[in-house]
Amino acid sequence: MPDSYDHPGFLVADVARLMRRAFQARLDGAALTYAQARALVWLAREEGLRQVDLAEQLEIQPISLARLVDQLADAGLVERRADPEDRRAYRLYLTPAAAPRLAEIRSIADAGRTEALAGLGAREAAATLDGLLRIRAA
């Protein structure tokens, strides 16, 4: 029986923390860090983001993102392009070299999802994912 502290926000945060740890453990030995993987996934969702907007989405400081993007650019995974509407800003784009890394991230994420949902039946798992997608979209 849930206690009074099992508020959905706390539960989602706890599950996210556990899944993040598992994802990081699976990344061990891969060519990417967790932070780099998150940045690549966001760019795959919305290519052409300004650096400041990506920093906001990742909830990190713009200076921290600049270092992260430097690493990804040095690895040939991301390129900066001048923003045609703001000469002080850059927009970020994936390079073709990012595709294998994104496939690796997807494989790791799929394994984590399978493990996380292992205790649920097929209907429960589908309903859980559907519910989370709707919550995120709201």
Protein backbone atom coordinates (compact mmCIF):
# COMPACT_ATOMS: atom_id res chain seq x y z
CA MET A 1 0.00 0.00 0.00
CA PRO A 2 1.45 3.40 -0.92
CA ASP A 3 2.31 5.74 1.90
CA SER A 4 1.47 9.44 1.99
CA TYR A 5 4.81 10.33 0.41
CA ASP A 6 4.18 8.29 -2.75
CA HIS A 7 3.08 11.34 -4.68
CA PRO A 8 3.31 10.81 -8.45
CA GLY A 9 6.02 13.46 -8.73
CA PHE A 10 8.18 11.70 -6.15
CA LEU A 11 7.56 8.31 -7.75
CA VAL A 12 8.47 9.56 -11.22
CA ALA A 13 11.61 11.21 -9.86
CA ASP A 14 12.62 8.01 -8.04
CA VAL A 15 12.01 5.85 -11.10
CA ALA A 16 13.90 8.34 -13.30
CA ARG A 17 16.86 8.25 -10.91
CA LEU A 18 16.94 4.46 -10.90
CA MET A 19 16.62 4.24 -14.67
CA ARG A 20 19.33 6.90 -15.14
CA ARG A 21 21.70 4.89 -12.94
CA ALA A 22 20.98 1.72 -14.90
CA PHE A 23 21.47 3.56 -18.19
CA GLN A 24 24.78 5.00 -17.00
CA ALA A 25 25.94 1.54 -15.93
CA ARG A 26 25.09 0.16 -19.38
CA LEU A 27 27.03 3.02 -20.99
CA ASP A 28 30.15 1.99 -19.08
CA GLY A 29 32.76 1.19 -21.70
CA ALA A 30 30.83 2.94 -24.46
CA ALA A 31 32.27 5.92 -26.28
CA LEU A 32 29.69 8.27 -24.73
CA THR A 33 28.90 9.71 -21.34
CA TYR A 34 25.35 9.94 -20.05
CA ALA A 35 25.35 13.72 -20.58
CA GLN A 36 26.54 13.31 -24.17
CA ALA A 37 23.89 10.67 -24.83
CA ARG A 38 21.15 12.96 -23.49
CA ALA A 39 22.33 15.81 -25.70
CA LEU A 40 22.39 13.60 -28.79
CA VAL A 41 18.89 12.29 -28.08
CA TRP A 42 17.52 15.82 -27.69
CA LEU A 43 19.14 16.85 -30.95
CA ALA A 44 17.74 13.78 -32.68
CA ARG A 45 14.29 14.88 -31.48
CA GLU A 46 14.75 18.50 -32.47
CA GLU A 47 17.70 19.17 -34.70
CA GLY A 48 18.70 22.78 -35.18
CA LEU A 49 18.16 23.83 -31.57
CA ARG A 50 20.07 26.85 -30.39
CA GLN A 51 22.69 26.01 -27.78
CA VAL A 52 20.88 28.04 -25.13
CA ASP A 53 17.63 26.18 -25.84
CA LEU A 54 19.34 22.80 -25.59
CA ALA A 55 20.89 23.85 -22.27
CA GLU A 56 17.41 24.72 -21.03
CA GLN A 57 15.98 21.37 -22.17
CA LEU A 58 18.82 19.48 -20.47
CA GLU A 59 18.52 21.71 -17.38
CA ILE A 60 22.20 22.61 -17.38
CA GLN A 61 24.02 25.91 -17.53
CA PRO A 62 24.90 27.22 -21.02
CA ILE A 63 28.63 27.14 -20.18
CA SER A 64 28.37 23.47 -19.24
CA LEU A 65 26.54 22.77 -22.48
CA ALA A 66 29.23 24.63 -24.45
CA ARG A 67 31.86 22.23 -23.08
CA LEU A 68 29.61 19.26 -23.81
CA VAL A 69 29.02 20.43 -27.38
CA ASP A 70 32.77 20.96 -27.78
CA GLN A 71 33.29 17.29 -26.88
CA LEU A 72 30.59 16.13 -29.28
CA ALA A 73 31.94 18.36 -32.05
CA ASP A 74 35.51 17.11 -31.44
CA ALA A 75 34.15 13.56 -31.76
CA GLY A 76 32.56 14.52 -35.08
CA LEU A 77 29.00 13.89 -33.85
CA VAL A 78 27.61 17.43 -33.80
CA GLU A 79 28.24 20.57 -35.75
CA ARG A 80 27.51 24.17 -34.89
CA ARG A 81 26.03 26.41 -37.54
CA ALA A 82 25.55 30.13 -37.23
CA ASP A 83 21.96 31.09 -36.46
CA PRO A 84 20.72 33.12 -39.45
CA GLU A 85 18.44 35.12 -37.15
CA ASP A 86 20.98 35.88 -34.42
CA ARG A 87 24.65 36.21 -35.30
CA ARG A 88 25.63 35.67 -31.64
CA ALA A 89 23.95 32.25 -31.50
CA TYR A 90 24.65 28.82 -32.92
CA ARG A 91 22.27 26.08 -33.91
CA LEU A 92 23.25 22.45 -33.41
CA TYR A 93 22.98 19.66 -35.95
CA LEU A 94 23.87 15.99 -35.88
CA THR A 95 26.45 14.70 -38.32
CA PRO A 96 26.11 11.37 -40.13
CA ALA A 97 28.65 9.96 -37.63
CA ALA A 98 26.05 10.38 -34.87
CA ALA A 99 23.76 7.70 -36.35
CA PRO A 100 25.70 4.70 -34.95
CA ARG A 101 25.90 6.39 -31.53
CA LEU A 102 22.15 7.00 -31.56
CA ALA A 103 21.60 3.35 -32.47
CA GLU A 104 23.78 2.37 -29.50
CA ILE A 105 21.80 4.70 -27.23
CA ARG A 106 18.53 3.21 -28.50
CA SER A 107 19.78 -0.31 -27.85
CA ILE A 108 20.83 0.57 -24.30
CA ALA A 109 17.53 2.37 -23.68
CA ASP A 110 15.55 -0.58 -25.05
CA ALA A 111 17.37 -2.96 -22.71
CA GLY A 112 16.66 -0.65 -19.79
CA ARG A 113 13.00 -0.35 -20.69
CA THR A 114 12.69 -4.13 -20.95
CA GLU A 115 14.27 -4.54 -17.52
CA ALA A 116 12.20 -1.77 -15.94
CA LEU A 117 8.92 -3.16 -17.25
CA ALA A 118 9.77 -6.83 -16.65
CA GLY A 119 7.46 -7.11 -13.66
CA LEU A 120 4.45 -5.88 -15.63
CA GLY A 121 2.23 -7.71 -18.05
CA ALA A 122 2.10 -6.57 -21.67
CA ARG A 123 -1.06 -4.50 -21.12
CA GLU A 124 0.29 -2.89 -17.96
CA ALA A 125 3.59 -2.05 -19.67
CA ALA A 126 1.80 -0.51 -22.65
CA ALA A 127 -0.51 1.47 -20.36
CA THR A 128 2.44 2.70 -18.29
CA LEU A 129 4.32 3.91 -21.36
CA ASP A 130 1.17 5.48 -22.81
CA GLY A 131 0.47 7.28 -19.55
CA LEU A 132 4.02 8.61 -19.30
CA LEU A 133 3.91 9.85 -22.90
CA ARG A 134 0.66 11.67 -22.23
CA ILE A 135 2.00 13.20 -19.03
CA ARG A 136 5.09 14.43 -20.88
CA ALA A 137 2.97 15.89 -23.68
CA ALA A 138 0.67 17.76 -21.27
